[in-house]
Every structure is written in structure tokens, then in C-alpha cells.
Amino acid sequence: MTSWQLTRVIAGTFILVSLALGAPASPIFQSTYWLWFTAFVGANLLQSGLTRWCLMERILRGLGFRPSAD
């Protein structure tokens, strides 16, 4: 798995977990403040799409994951 793919898997997981923790209708609801984390991850995805730079991808490359082929 490339750093590009793993970054998106991690972001998707963060979004789904924070929504489950922040949505009042969820069976594992904790606090609506978790929705701020959802917004943070979404803003980072938007920023990386516009600038083509992502801190998570850089961290994963530093851990030894191979970069994407583009």
C-alpha cells in the first residue's frame, strides 16, 4: 500500500469514528465536540487537495511507506 492510499484510509477511518462518537443518534455517542475533529480532518483533506501537500503522507513516507507512482 502506498503512502497516498494509506493516508486516505486513515482519513476515512478518522472521519467515520469521529462521526460515530459525535452524532447524538449513534450508539457510541460521547460528545458533539467530536464533530470538530471531523471538520479538522475534512479541512486537511481540502487543503491537501488544493496544495498537493499532506503532513500525514509525509509522516508515512518517513516511516518507510513508499510514495505513490504519480
PDB file of N, CA and C in Angstrom:
ATOM      1  N   MET A   1       0.855  -1.176   0.000  1.00  0.00           N
ATOM      2  CA  MET A   1       0.000   0.000   0.000  1.00  0.00           C
ATOM      3  C   MET A   1       0.899   1.236   0.000  1.00  0.00           C
ATOM      4  N   THR A   2       0.573   2.200  -0.820  1.00  0.00           N
ATOM      5  CA  THR A   2       1.382   3.414  -0.888  1.00  0.00           C
ATOM      6  C   THR A   2       0.973   4.396   0.204  1.00  0.00           C
ATOM      7  N   SER A   3       1.828   5.381   0.441  1.00  0.00           N
ATOM      8  CA  SER A   3       1.519   6.404   1.444  1.00  0.00           C
ATOM      9  C   SER A   3       0.253   7.164   1.068  1.00  0.00           C
ATOM     10  N   TRP A   4       0.038   7.352  -0.226  1.00  0.00           N
ATOM     11  CA  TRP A   4      -1.159   8.052  -0.724  1.00  0.00           C
ATOM     12  C   TRP A   4      -2.411   7.280  -0.331  1.00  0.00           C
ATOM     13  N   GLN A   5      -2.399   5.967  -0.561  1.00  0.00           N
ATOM     14  CA  GLN A   5      -3.565   5.148  -0.237  1.00  0.00           C
ATOM     15  C   GLN A   5      -3.793   5.069   1.267  1.00  0.00           C
ATOM     16  N   LEU A   6      -2.725   4.867   2.010  1.00  0.00           N
ATOM     17  CA  LEU A   6      -2.853   4.743   3.457  1.00  0.00           C
ATOM     18  C   LEU A   6      -3.337   6.048   4.093  1.00  0.00           C
ATOM     19  N   THR A   7      -2.922   7.183   3.557  1.00  0.00           N
ATOM     20  CA  THR A   7      -3.390   8.477   4.050  1.00  0.00           C
ATOM     21  C   THR A   7      -4.904   8.574   3.934  1.00  0.00           C
ATOM     22  N   ARG A   8      -5.451   8.154   2.814  1.00  0.00           N
ATOM     23  CA  ARG A   8      -6.893   8.229   2.619  1.00  0.00           C
ATOM     24  C   ARG A   8      -7.640   7.223   3.490  1.00  0.00           C
ATOM     25  N   VAL A   9      -7.052   6.047   3.704  1.00  0.00           N
ATOM     26  CA  VAL A   9      -7.664   5.060   4.598  1.00  0.00           C
ATOM     27  C   VAL A   9      -7.722   5.614   6.027  1.00  0.00           C
ATOM     28  N   ILE A  10      -6.628   6.219   6.469  1.00  0.00           N
ATOM     29  CA  ILE A  10      -6.574   6.798   7.816  1.00  0.00           C
ATOM     30  C   ILE A  10      -7.577   7.939   7.945  1.00  0.00           C
ATOM     31  N   ALA A  11      -7.622   8.825   6.948  1.00  0.00           N
ATOM     32  CA  ALA A  11      -8.569   9.952   6.996  1.00  0.00           C
ATOM     33  C   ALA A  11     -10.010   9.458   7.027  1.00  0.00           C
ATOM     34  N   GLY A  12     -10.337   8.475   6.198  1.00  0.00           N
ATOM     35  CA  GLY A  12     -11.691   7.920   6.192  1.00  0.00           C
ATOM     36  C   GLY A  12     -12.065   7.292   7.516  1.00  0.00           C
ATOM     37  N   THR A  13     -11.110   6.565   8.108  1.00  0.00           N
ATOM     38  CA  THR A  13     -11.341   5.951   9.416  1.00  0.00           C
ATOM     39  C   THR A  13     -11.563   7.006  10.490  1.00  0.00           C
ATOM     40  N   PHE A  14     -10.717   8.049  10.494  1.00  0.00           N
ATOM     41  CA  PHE A  14     -10.880   9.140  11.464  1.00  0.00           C
ATOM     42  C   PHE A  14     -12.250   9.790  11.331  1.00  0.00           C
ATOM     43  N   ILE A  15     -12.684  10.033  10.110  1.00  0.00           N
ATOM     44  CA  ILE A  15     -13.976  10.685   9.886  1.00  0.00           C
ATOM     45  C   ILE A  15     -15.118   9.809  10.392  1.00  0.00           C
ATOM     46  N   LEU A  16     -15.100   8.531  10.033  1.00  0.00           N
ATOM     47  CA  LEU A  16     -16.192   7.652  10.450  1.00  0.00           C
ATOM     48  C   LEU A  16     -16.238   7.467  11.963  1.00  0.00           C
ATOM     49  N   VAL A  17     -15.081   7.301  12.592  1.00  0.00           N
ATOM     50  CA  VAL A  17     -15.044   7.124  14.048  1.00  0.00           C
ATOM     51  C   VAL A  17     -15.491   8.404  14.763  1.00  0.00           C
ATOM     52  N   SER A  18     -15.000   9.567  14.306  1.00  0.00           N
ATOM     53  CA  SER A  18     -15.387  10.812  14.974  1.00  0.00           C
ATOM     54  C   SER A  18     -16.864  11.131  14.761  1.00  0.00           C
ATOM     55  N   LEU A  19     -17.423  10.748  13.615  1.00  0.00           N
ATOM     56  CA  LEU A  19     -18.865  10.920  13.418  1.00  0.00           C
ATOM     57  C   LEU A  19     -19.648  10.008  14.353  1.00  0.00           C
ATOM     58  N   ALA A  20     -19.186   8.772  14.503  1.00  0.00           N
ATOM     59  CA  ALA A  20     -19.871   7.839  15.411  1.00  0.00           C
ATOM     60  C   ALA A  20     -19.821   8.340  16.848  1.00  0.00           C
ATOM     61  N   LEU A  21     -18.712   8.957  17.236  1.00  0.00           N
ATOM     62  CA  LEU A  21     -18.577   9.471  18.601  1.00  0.00           C
ATOM     63  C   LEU A  21     -19.302  10.805  18.797  1.00  0.00           C
ATOM     64  N   GLY A  22     -19.541  11.552  17.705  1.00  0.00           N
ATOM     65  CA  GLY A  22     -20.110  12.891  17.818  1.00  0.00           C
ATOM     66  C   GLY A  22     -21.567  13.032  17.449  1.00  0.00           C
ATOM     67  N   ALA A  23     -22.132  12.041  16.786  1.00  0.00           N
ATOM     68  CA  ALA A  23     -23.539  12.120  16.380  1.00  0.00           C
ATOM     69  C   ALA A  23     -24.434  11.625  17.508  1.00  0.00           C
ATOM     70  N   PRO A  24     -25.353  12.458  17.983  1.00  0.00           N
ATOM     71  CA  PRO A  24     -26.213  12.066  19.110  1.00  0.00           C
ATOM     72  C   PRO A  24     -27.019  10.786  18.875  1.00  0.00           C
ATOM     73  N   ALA A  25     -27.316  10.448  17.627  1.00  0.00           N
ATOM     74  CA  ALA A  25     -28.105   9.244  17.353  1.00  0.00           C
ATOM     75  C   ALA A  25     -27.256   7.973  17.371  1.00  0.00           C
ATOM     76  N   SER A  26     -25.953   8.116  17.480  1.00  0.00           N
ATOM     77  CA  SER A  26     -25.051   6.961  17.458  1.00  0.00           C
ATOM     78  C   SER A  26     -25.100   6.194  18.775  1.00  0.00           C
ATOM     79  N   PRO A  27     -25.000   4.868  18.706  1.00  0.00           N
ATOM     80  CA  PRO A  27     -24.985   4.085  19.954  1.00  0.00           C
ATOM     81  C   PRO A  27     -23.708   4.269  20.781  1.00  0.00           C
ATOM     82  N   ILE A  28     -22.646   4.811  20.182  1.00  0.00           N
ATOM     83  CA  ILE A  28     -21.409   5.039  20.948  1.00  0.00           C
ATOM     84  C   ILE A  28     -21.134   6.540  21.127  1.00  0.00           C
ATOM     85  N   PHE A  29     -22.200   7.329  21.073  1.00  0.00           N
ATOM     86  CA  PHE A  29     -22.086   8.784  21.235  1.00  0.00           C
ATOM     87  C   PHE A  29     -21.357   9.149  22.526  1.00  0.00           C
ATOM     88  N   GLN A  30     -20.416  10.101  22.412  1.00  0.00           N
ATOM     89  CA  GLN A  30     -19.700  10.607  23.579  1.00  0.00           C
ATOM     90  C   GLN A  30     -19.954  12.102  23.784  1.00  0.00           C
ATOM     91  N   SER A  31     -19.707  12.899  22.725  1.00  0.00           N
ATOM     92  CA  SER A  31     -19.862  14.343  22.817  1.00  0.00           C
ATOM     93  C   SER A  31     -19.928  14.916  21.410  1.00  0.00           C
ATOM     94  N   THR A  32     -20.709  15.976  21.258  1.00  0.00           N
ATOM     95  CA  THR A  32     -20.769  16.610  19.936  1.00  0.00           C
ATOM     96  C   THR A  32     -19.462  17.307  19.581  1.00  0.00           C
ATOM     97  N   TYR A  33     -18.564  17.474  20.550  1.00  0.00           N
ATOM     98  CA  TYR A  33     -17.264  18.085  20.269  1.00  0.00           C
ATOM     99  C   TYR A  33     -16.426  17.234  19.321  1.00  0.00           C
ATOM    100  N   TRP A  34     -16.719  15.939  19.212  1.00  0.00           N
ATOM    101  CA  TRP A  34     -16.008  15.086  18.256  1.00  0.00           C
ATOM    102  C   TRP A  34     -16.232  15.554  16.825  1.00  0.00           C
ATOM    103  N   LEU A  35     -17.319  16.270  16.571  1.00  0.00           N
ATOM    104  CA  LEU A  35     -17.579  16.766  15.216  1.00  0.00           C
ATOM    105  C   LEU A  35     -16.536  17.803  14.794  1.00  0.00           C
ATOM    106  N   TRP A  36     -15.887  18.462  15.752  1.00  0.00           N
ATOM    107  CA  TRP A  36     -14.793  19.380  15.419  1.00  0.00           C
ATOM    108  C   TRP A  36     -13.617  18.615  14.829  1.00  0.00           C
ATOM    109  N   PHE A  37     -13.376  17.412  15.321  1.00  0.00           N
ATOM    110  CA  PHE A  37     -12.310  16.582  14.754  1.00  0.00           C
ATOM    111  C   PHE A  37     -12.663  16.172  13.329  1.00  0.00           C
ATOM    112  N   THR A  38     -13.931  15.856  13.091  1.00  0.00           N
ATOM    113  CA  THR A  38     -14.390  15.540  11.739  1.00  0.00           C
ATOM    114  C   THR A  38     -14.120  16.714  10.807  1.00  0.00           C
ATOM    115  N   ALA A  39     -14.448  17.922  11.248  1.00  0.00           N
ATOM    116  CA  ALA A  39     -14.212  19.125  10.447  1.00  0.00           C
ATOM    117  C   ALA A  39     -12.720  19.351  10.213  1.00  0.00           C
ATOM    118  N   PHE A  40     -11.893  19.091  11.209  1.00  0.00           N
ATOM    119  CA  PHE A  40     -10.441  19.235  11.081  1.00  0.00           C
ATOM    120  C   PHE A  40      -9.887  18.306  10.007  1.00  0.00           C
ATOM    121  N   VAL A  41     -10.300  17.052  10.030  1.00  0.00           N
ATOM    122  CA  VAL A  41      -9.832  16.094   9.026  1.00  0.00           C
ATOM    123  C   VAL A  41     -10.310  16.512   7.630  1.00  0.00           C
ATOM    124  N   GLY A  42     -11.562  16.942   7.531  1.00  0.00           N
ATOM    125  CA  GLY A  42     -12.088  17.408   6.247  1.00  0.00           C
ATOM    126  C   GLY A  42     -11.341  18.619   5.716  1.00  0.00           C
ATOM    127  N   ALA A  43     -11.022  19.559   6.605  1.00  0.00           N
ATOM    128  CA  ALA A  43     -10.253  20.751   6.190  1.00  0.00           C
ATOM    129  C   ALA A  43      -8.857  20.356   5.714  1.00  0.00           C
ATOM    130  N   ASN A  44      -8.234  19.387   6.379  1.00  0.00           N
ATOM    131  CA  ASN A  44      -6.922  18.919   5.946  1.00  0.00           C
ATOM    132  C   ASN A  44      -6.993  18.228   4.591  1.00  0.00           C
ATOM    133  N   LEU A  45      -8.048  17.467   4.339  1.00  0.00           N
ATOM    134  CA  LEU A  45      -8.226  16.850   3.025  1.00  0.00           C
ATOM    135  C   LEU A  45      -8.400  17.910   1.936  1.00  0.00           C
ATOM    136  N   LEU A  46      -9.177  18.937   2.245  1.00  0.00           N
ATOM    137  CA  LEU A  46      -9.362  20.032   1.294  1.00  0.00           C
ATOM    138  C   LEU A  46      -8.037  20.737   1.015  1.00  0.00           C
ATOM    139  N   GLN A  47      -7.297  21.053   2.062  1.00  0.00           N
ATOM    140  CA  GLN A  47      -6.005  21.717   1.922  1.00  0.00           C
ATOM    141  C   GLN A  47      -5.037  20.874   1.104  1.00  0.00           C
ATOM    142  N   SER A  48      -4.979  19.570   1.361  1.00  0.00           N
ATOM    143  CA  SER A  48      -4.040  18.726   0.620  1.00  0.00           C
ATOM    144  C   SER A  48      -4.451  18.585  -0.839  1.00  0.00           C
ATOM    145  N   GLY A  49      -5.730  18.632  -1.104  1.00  0.00           N
ATOM    146  CA  GLY A  49      -6.202  18.593  -2.491  1.00  0.00           C
ATOM    147  C   GLY A  49      -5.842  19.846  -3.263  1.00  0.00           C
ATOM    148  N   LEU A  50      -5.835  20.984  -2.580  1.00  0.00           N
ATOM    149  CA  LEU A  50      -5.514  22.250  -3.253  1.00  0.00           C
ATOM    150  C   LEU A  50      -4.010  22.489  -3.370  1.00  0.00           C
ATOM    151  N   THR A  51      -3.244  22.065  -2.374  1.00  0.00           N
ATOM    152  CA  THR A  51      -1.804  22.368  -2.358  1.00  0.00           C
ATOM    153  C   THR A  51      -0.931  21.191  -2.751  1.00  0.00           C
ATOM    154  N   ARG A  52      -1.516  19.991  -2.833  1.00  0.00           N
ATOM    155  CA  ARG A  52      -0.770  18.765  -3.128  1.00  0.00           C
ATOM    156  C   ARG A  52       0.313  18.491  -2.079  1.00  0.00           C
ATOM    157  N   TRP A  53       0.096  18.908  -0.820  1.00  0.00           N
ATOM    158  CA  TRP A  53       0.999  18.633   0.291  1.00  0.00           C
ATOM    159  C   TRP A  53       0.174  18.159   1.467  1.00  0.00           C
ATOM    160  N   CYS A  54       0.596  17.048   2.076  1.00  0.00           N
ATOM    161  CA  CYS A  54      -0.148  16.478   3.192  1.00  0.00           C
ATOM    162  C   CYS A  54       0.837  16.000   4.250  1.00  0.00           C
ATOM    163  N   LEU A  55       0.673  16.495   5.470  1.00  0.00           N
ATOM    164  CA  LEU A  55       1.562  16.134   6.562  1.00  0.00           C
ATOM    165  C   LEU A  55       1.494  14.637   6.868  1.00  0.00           C
ATOM    166  N   MET A  56       0.305  14.047   6.865  1.00  0.00           N
ATOM    167  CA  MET A  56       0.169  12.620   7.162  1.00  0.00           C
ATOM    168  C   MET A  56       0.945  11.782   6.142  1.00  0.00           C
ATOM    169  N   GLU A  57       0.857  12.159   4.886  1.00  0.00           N
ATOM    170  CA  GLU A  57       1.589  11.418   3.851  1.00  0.00           C
ATOM    171  C   GLU A  57       3.096  11.549   4.062  1.00  0.00           C
ATOM    172  N   ARG A  58       3.527  12.702   4.468  1.00  0.00           N
ATOM    173  CA  ARG A  58       4.951  12.922   4.747  1.00  0.00           C
ATOM    174  C   ARG A  58       5.427  12.078   5.927  1.00  0.00           C
ATOM    175  N   ILE A  59       4.599  11.991   6.954  1.00  0.00           N
ATOM    176  CA  ILE A  59       4.920  11.159   8.115  1.00  0.00           C
ATOM    177  C   ILE A  59       5.012   9.689   7.709  1.00  0.00           C
ATOM    178  N   LEU A  60       4.061   9.235   6.902  1.00  0.00           N
ATOM    179  CA  LEU A  60       4.067   7.840   6.464  1.00  0.00           C
ATOM    180  C   LEU A  60       5.286   7.524   5.604  1.00  0.00           C
ATOM    181  N   ARG A  61       5.687   8.457   4.756  1.00  0.00           N
ATOM    182  CA  ARG A  61       6.907   8.250   3.965  1.00  0.00           C
ATOM    183  C   ARG A  61       8.122   8.156   4.875  1.00  0.00           C
ATOM    184  N   GLY A  62       8.147   8.959   5.923  1.00  0.00           N
ATOM    185  CA  GLY A  62       9.234   8.902   6.886  1.00  0.00           C
ATOM    186  C   GLY A  62       9.273   7.570   7.634  1.00  0.00           C
ATOM    187  N   LEU A  63       8.125   6.938   7.774  1.00  0.00           N
ATOM    188  CA  LEU A  63       8.050   5.625   8.420  1.00  0.00           C
ATOM    189  C   LEU A  63       8.391   4.480   7.467  1.00  0.00           C
ATOM    190  N   GLY A  64       8.618   4.822   6.201  1.00  0.00           N
ATOM    191  CA  GLY A  64       9.052   3.807   5.245  1.00  0.00           C
ATOM    192  C   GLY A  64       8.040   3.365   4.215  1.00  0.00           C
ATOM    193  N   PHE A  65       6.841   3.921   4.234  1.00  0.00           N
ATOM    194  CA  PHE A  65       5.878   3.577   3.192  1.00  0.00           C
ATOM    195  C   PHE A  65       6.290   4.225   1.888  1.00  0.00           C
ATOM    196  N   ARG A  66       6.101   3.499   0.792  1.00  0.00           N
ATOM    197  CA  ARG A  66       6.540   4.027  -0.494  1.00  0.00           C
ATOM    198  C   ARG A  66       5.578   5.100  -1.004  1.00  0.00           C
ATOM    199  N   PRO A  67       6.109   6.108  -1.692  1.00  0.00           N
ATOM    200  CA  PRO A  67       5.250   7.151  -2.258  1.00  0.00           C
ATOM    201  C   PRO A  67       4.453   6.601  -3.451  1.00  0.00           C
ATOM    202  N   SER A  68       3.435   7.363  -3.846  1.00  0.00           N
ATOM    203  CA  SER A  68       2.643   6.956  -4.998  1.00  0.00           C
ATOM    204  C   SER A  68       3.463   7.110  -6.272  1.00  0.00           C
ATOM    205  N   ALA A  69       2.986   6.508  -7.350  1.00  0.00           N
ATOM    206  CA  ALA A  69       3.738   6.488  -8.609  1.00  0.00           C
ATOM    207  C   ALA A  69       3.471   7.702  -9.500  1.00  0.00           C
ATOM    208  N   ASP A  70       2.751   8.717  -9.012  1.00  0.00           N
ATOM    209  CA  ASP A  70       2.452   9.865  -9.891  1.00  0.00           C
ATOM    210  C   ASP A  70       3.518  10.841  -9.839  1.00  0.00           C
TER     211      ASP A  70
END
